Amino acid sequence: MSQAVVCNGMVFLAGQVADDTSQDVGGQTRQVLAAIDRLLAEAGSDKSRLLAAQIFLADMADFAAMNKVWEAWVIPGQTPARATVQAAMAGRTTGSRSSSPPRPPEAGRLEHASGKPGGQRRADLGTA
């Protein structure tokens, strides 16, 4: 499964889940955000270009702990629109998960299939 797809200069990330679910929600959130940073870097982008984020928590009682880590990670004045909901997660009983569609990288940072800005390009990054 692709962890990220680049199409028409936009980067779309699959939902990211903490690898070590024995950590508390703060530790799991840091793992997820580190994975997002890595995937965005591989796509030639970064968190300053995020447009929106969807965060799924196994228990909304963990919201404050997750939000503390989130607030330390986002760039002040460049925070994306965000929705946080409680959801049952396949194969997991605790934790946080995030999916973030970021803004496209600056023109010229990605190749375009047509060779012109605005041309279509689709590339899969990271498979699992």
C-alpha atoms as a PDB file:
ATOM      1  CA  MET A   1       0.000   0.000   0.000  1.00  0.00           C
ATOM      2  CA  SER A   2       1.272   3.470  -0.839  1.00  0.00           C
ATOM      3  CA  GLN A   3       2.051   5.689   2.137  1.00  0.00           C
ATOM      4  CA  ALA A   4       1.985   8.817  -0.045  1.00  0.00           C
ATOM      5  CA  VAL A   5       0.875   9.721  -3.535  1.00  0.00           C
ATOM      6  CA  VAL A   6       1.950  12.797  -5.482  1.00  0.00           C
ATOM      7  CA  CYS A   7      -0.483  13.894  -8.191  1.00  0.00           C
ATOM      8  CA  ASN A   8      -0.643  17.247  -9.977  1.00  0.00           C
ATOM      9  CA  GLY A   9       1.782  18.733  -7.480  1.00  0.00           C
ATOM     10  CA  MET A  10      -0.308  17.704  -4.466  1.00  0.00           C
ATOM     11  CA  VAL A  11       0.888  15.225  -1.847  1.00  0.00           C
ATOM     12  CA  PHE A  12      -1.703  12.912  -0.298  1.00  0.00           C
ATOM     13  CA  LEU A  13      -0.724  10.799   2.708  1.00  0.00           C
ATOM     14  CA  ALA A  14      -2.258   7.541   3.821  1.00  0.00           C
ATOM     15  CA  GLY A  15      -3.300   7.350   7.445  1.00  0.00           C
ATOM     16  CA  GLN A  16      -0.253   7.016   9.665  1.00  0.00           C
ATOM     17  CA  VAL A  17      -0.302   4.854  12.787  1.00  0.00           C
ATOM     18  CA  ALA A  18       2.232   4.698  15.612  1.00  0.00           C
ATOM     19  CA  ASP A  19       4.542   1.685  15.410  1.00  0.00           C
ATOM     20  CA  ASP A  20       4.956   1.381  19.176  1.00  0.00           C
ATOM     21  CA  THR A  21       1.492   1.317  20.712  1.00  0.00           C
ATOM     22  CA  SER A  22       2.929   0.612  24.158  1.00  0.00           C
ATOM     23  CA  GLN A  23       3.722   4.340  24.390  1.00  0.00           C
ATOM     24  CA  ASP A  24       1.186   6.802  25.765  1.00  0.00           C
ATOM     25  CA  VAL A  25      -0.821   8.924  23.340  1.00  0.00           C
ATOM     26  CA  GLY A  26       1.820  11.681  23.421  1.00  0.00           C
ATOM     27  CA  GLY A  27       4.541   9.249  22.365  1.00  0.00           C
ATOM     28  CA  GLN A  28       2.320   7.721  19.712  1.00  0.00           C
ATOM     29  CA  THR A  29       1.429  11.170  18.371  1.00  0.00           C
ATOM     30  CA  ARG A  30       5.148  12.060  18.128  1.00  0.00           C
ATOM     31  CA  GLN A  31       5.733   8.837  16.145  1.00  0.00           C
ATOM     32  CA  VAL A  32       2.907   9.647  13.723  1.00  0.00           C
ATOM     33  CA  LEU A  33       4.062  13.234  13.211  1.00  0.00           C
ATOM     34  CA  ALA A  34       7.654  12.065  12.611  1.00  0.00           C
ATOM     35  CA  ALA A  35       6.345   9.678   9.937  1.00  0.00           C
ATOM     36  CA  ILE A  36       4.421  12.555   8.335  1.00  0.00           C
ATOM     37  CA  ASP A  37       7.568  14.723   8.358  1.00  0.00           C
ATOM     38  CA  ARG A  38       9.529  11.907   6.681  1.00  0.00           C
ATOM     39  CA  LEU A  39       6.920  11.258   3.984  1.00  0.00           C
ATOM     40  CA  LEU A  40       6.541  14.953   3.207  1.00  0.00           C
ATOM     41  CA  ALA A  41      10.326  15.324   2.904  1.00  0.00           C
ATOM     42  CA  GLU A  42      10.454  12.353   0.499  1.00  0.00           C
ATOM     43  CA  ALA A  43       7.822  14.139  -1.610  1.00  0.00           C
ATOM     44  CA  GLY A  44       9.741  17.438  -1.548  1.00  0.00           C
ATOM     45  CA  SER A  45       7.344  19.158   0.839  1.00  0.00           C
ATOM     46  CA  ASP A  46       7.034  19.871   4.558  1.00  0.00           C
ATOM     47  CA  LYS A  47       4.504  20.604   7.290  1.00  0.00           C
ATOM     48  CA  SER A  48       4.472  24.326   6.469  1.00  0.00           C
ATOM     49  CA  ARG A  49       2.417  23.437   3.401  1.00  0.00           C
ATOM     50  CA  LEU A  50      -0.331  21.415   5.124  1.00  0.00           C
ATOM     51  CA  LEU A  51      -3.881  22.334   4.181  1.00  0.00           C
ATOM     52  CA  ALA A  52      -5.860  19.945   6.354  1.00  0.00           C
ATOM     53  CA  ALA A  53      -5.430  17.146   8.863  1.00  0.00           C
ATOM     54  CA  GLN A  54      -7.715  14.419  10.120  1.00  0.00           C
ATOM     55  CA  ILE A  55      -6.855  12.890  13.471  1.00  0.00           C
ATOM     56  CA  PHE A  56      -8.496   9.723  14.746  1.00  0.00           C
ATOM     57  CA  LEU A  57      -8.236   8.932  18.449  1.00  0.00           C
ATOM     58  CA  ALA A  58      -9.260   5.657  20.031  1.00  0.00           C
ATOM     59  CA  ASP A  59     -10.536   7.651  23.027  1.00  0.00           C
ATOM     60  CA  MET A  60     -11.377  11.368  23.091  1.00  0.00           C
ATOM     61  CA  ALA A  61     -10.134  11.400  26.694  1.00  0.00           C
ATOM     62  CA  ASP A  62      -6.666  11.470  25.047  1.00  0.00           C
ATOM     63  CA  PHE A  63      -7.407  14.697  23.157  1.00  0.00           C
ATOM     64  CA  ALA A  64      -5.504  17.056  25.495  1.00  0.00           C
ATOM     65  CA  ALA A  65      -2.347  14.902  25.442  1.00  0.00           C
ATOM     66  CA  MET A  66      -2.466  14.557  21.647  1.00  0.00           C
ATOM     67  CA  ASN A  67      -3.201  18.260  21.192  1.00  0.00           C
ATOM     68  CA  LYS A  68      -0.203  19.267  23.343  1.00  0.00           C
ATOM     69  CA  VAL A  69       2.145  17.353  21.010  1.00  0.00           C
ATOM     70  CA  TRP A  70       0.297  18.637  17.908  1.00  0.00           C
ATOM     71  CA  GLU A  71       0.598  22.276  19.056  1.00  0.00           C
ATOM     72  CA  ALA A  72       4.352  21.856  19.624  1.00  0.00           C
ATOM     73  CA  TRP A  73       4.718  20.337  16.101  1.00  0.00           C
ATOM     74  CA  VAL A  74       2.704  22.741  13.933  1.00  0.00           C
ATOM     75  CA  ILE A  75       4.152  26.031  12.794  1.00  0.00           C
ATOM     76  CA  PRO A  76       2.406  28.965  14.515  1.00  0.00           C
ATOM     77  CA  GLY A  77       0.365  30.940  12.002  1.00  0.00           C
ATOM     78  CA  GLN A  78       0.460  28.064   9.502  1.00  0.00           C
ATOM     79  CA  THR A  79      -1.787  25.556  11.213  1.00  0.00           C
ATOM     80  CA  PRO A  80      -3.965  23.537   8.855  1.00  0.00           C
ATOM     81  CA  ALA A  81      -7.689  23.027   9.182  1.00  0.00           C
ATOM     82  CA  ARG A  82      -8.098  20.014  11.473  1.00  0.00           C
ATOM     83  CA  ALA A  83     -10.775  17.576  12.523  1.00  0.00           C
ATOM     84  CA  THR A  84     -10.244  15.211  15.440  1.00  0.00           C
ATOM     85  CA  VAL A  85     -12.690  12.378  16.038  1.00  0.00           C
ATOM     86  CA  GLN A  86     -12.956   9.239  18.100  1.00  0.00           C
ATOM     87  CA  ALA A  87     -12.867   6.086  16.002  1.00  0.00           C
ATOM     88  CA  ALA A  88     -12.366   2.366  16.471  1.00  0.00           C
ATOM     89  CA  MET A  89      -9.116   1.421  14.736  1.00  0.00           C
ATOM     90  CA  ALA A  90      -8.582  -1.919  13.054  1.00  0.00           C
ATOM     91  CA  GLY A  91      -6.348  -4.154  15.146  1.00  0.00           C
ATOM     92  CA  ARG A  92      -5.663  -1.446  17.733  1.00  0.00           C
ATOM     93  CA  THR A  93      -7.180  -0.617  21.065  1.00  0.00           C
ATOM     94  CA  THR A  94      -5.276   2.603  21.821  1.00  0.00           C
ATOM     95  CA  GLY A  95      -3.483   5.319  19.992  1.00  0.00           C
ATOM     96  CA  SER A  96      -3.665   8.077  17.461  1.00  0.00           C
ATOM     97  CA  ARG A  97      -3.736   8.123  13.716  1.00  0.00           C
ATOM     98  CA  SER A  98      -3.412  11.041  11.341  1.00  0.00           C
ATOM     99  CA  SER A  99      -3.979  11.683   7.675  1.00  0.00           C
ATOM    100  CA  SER A 100      -2.816  15.010   6.276  1.00  0.00           C
ATOM    101  CA  PRO A 101      -3.240  16.326   2.728  1.00  0.00           C
ATOM    102  CA  PRO A 102      -0.559  19.029   2.354  1.00  0.00           C
ATOM    103  CA  ARG A 103      -0.293  21.920  -0.079  1.00  0.00           C
ATOM    104  CA  PRO A 104       1.742  21.245  -3.216  1.00  0.00           C
ATOM    105  CA  PRO A 105       5.493  21.868  -3.107  1.00  0.00           C
ATOM    106  CA  GLU A 106       6.786  25.028  -4.763  1.00  0.00           C
ATOM    107  CA  ALA A 107       6.803  25.044  -8.562  1.00  0.00           C
ATOM    108  CA  GLY A 108       9.802  23.233  -9.979  1.00  0.00           C
ATOM    109  CA  ARG A 109      10.376  20.999  -6.968  1.00  0.00           C
ATOM    110  CA  LEU A 110       8.530  18.120  -8.623  1.00  0.00           C
ATOM    111  CA  GLU A 111       8.821  16.910 -12.168  1.00  0.00           C
ATOM    112  CA  HIS A 112       5.679  17.073 -14.268  1.00  0.00           C
ATOM    113  CA  ALA A 113       4.771  14.449 -16.837  1.00  0.00           C
ATOM    114  CA  SER A 114       4.192  17.156 -19.461  1.00  0.00           C
ATOM    115  CA  GLY A 115       7.422  18.937 -18.564  1.00  0.00           C
ATOM    116  CA  LYS A 116       5.351  22.073 -17.859  1.00  0.00           C
ATOM    117  CA  PRO A 117       4.019  23.447 -14.592  1.00  0.00           C
ATOM    118  CA  GLY A 118       0.541  22.098 -13.982  1.00  0.00           C
ATOM    119  CA  GLY A 119       1.200  18.899 -15.925  1.00  0.00           C
ATOM    120  CA  GLN A 120       0.051  15.668 -14.366  1.00  0.00           C
ATOM    121  CA  ARG A 121       2.406  13.514 -12.348  1.00  0.00           C
ATOM    122  CA  ARG A 122       1.627  10.609 -10.106  1.00  0.00           C
ATOM    123  CA  ALA A 123       4.255   8.966  -7.977  1.00  0.00           C
ATOM    124  CA  ASP A 124       3.825   6.523  -5.126  1.00  0.00           C
ATOM    125  CA  LEU A 125       6.162   6.939  -2.155  1.00  0.00           C
ATOM    126  CA  GLY A 126       6.820   4.142   0.294  1.00  0.00           C
ATOM    127  CA  THR A 127       4.942   0.900   0.213  1.00  0.00           C
ATOM    128  CA  ALA A 128       3.998  -1.391   3.008  1.00  0.00           C
END
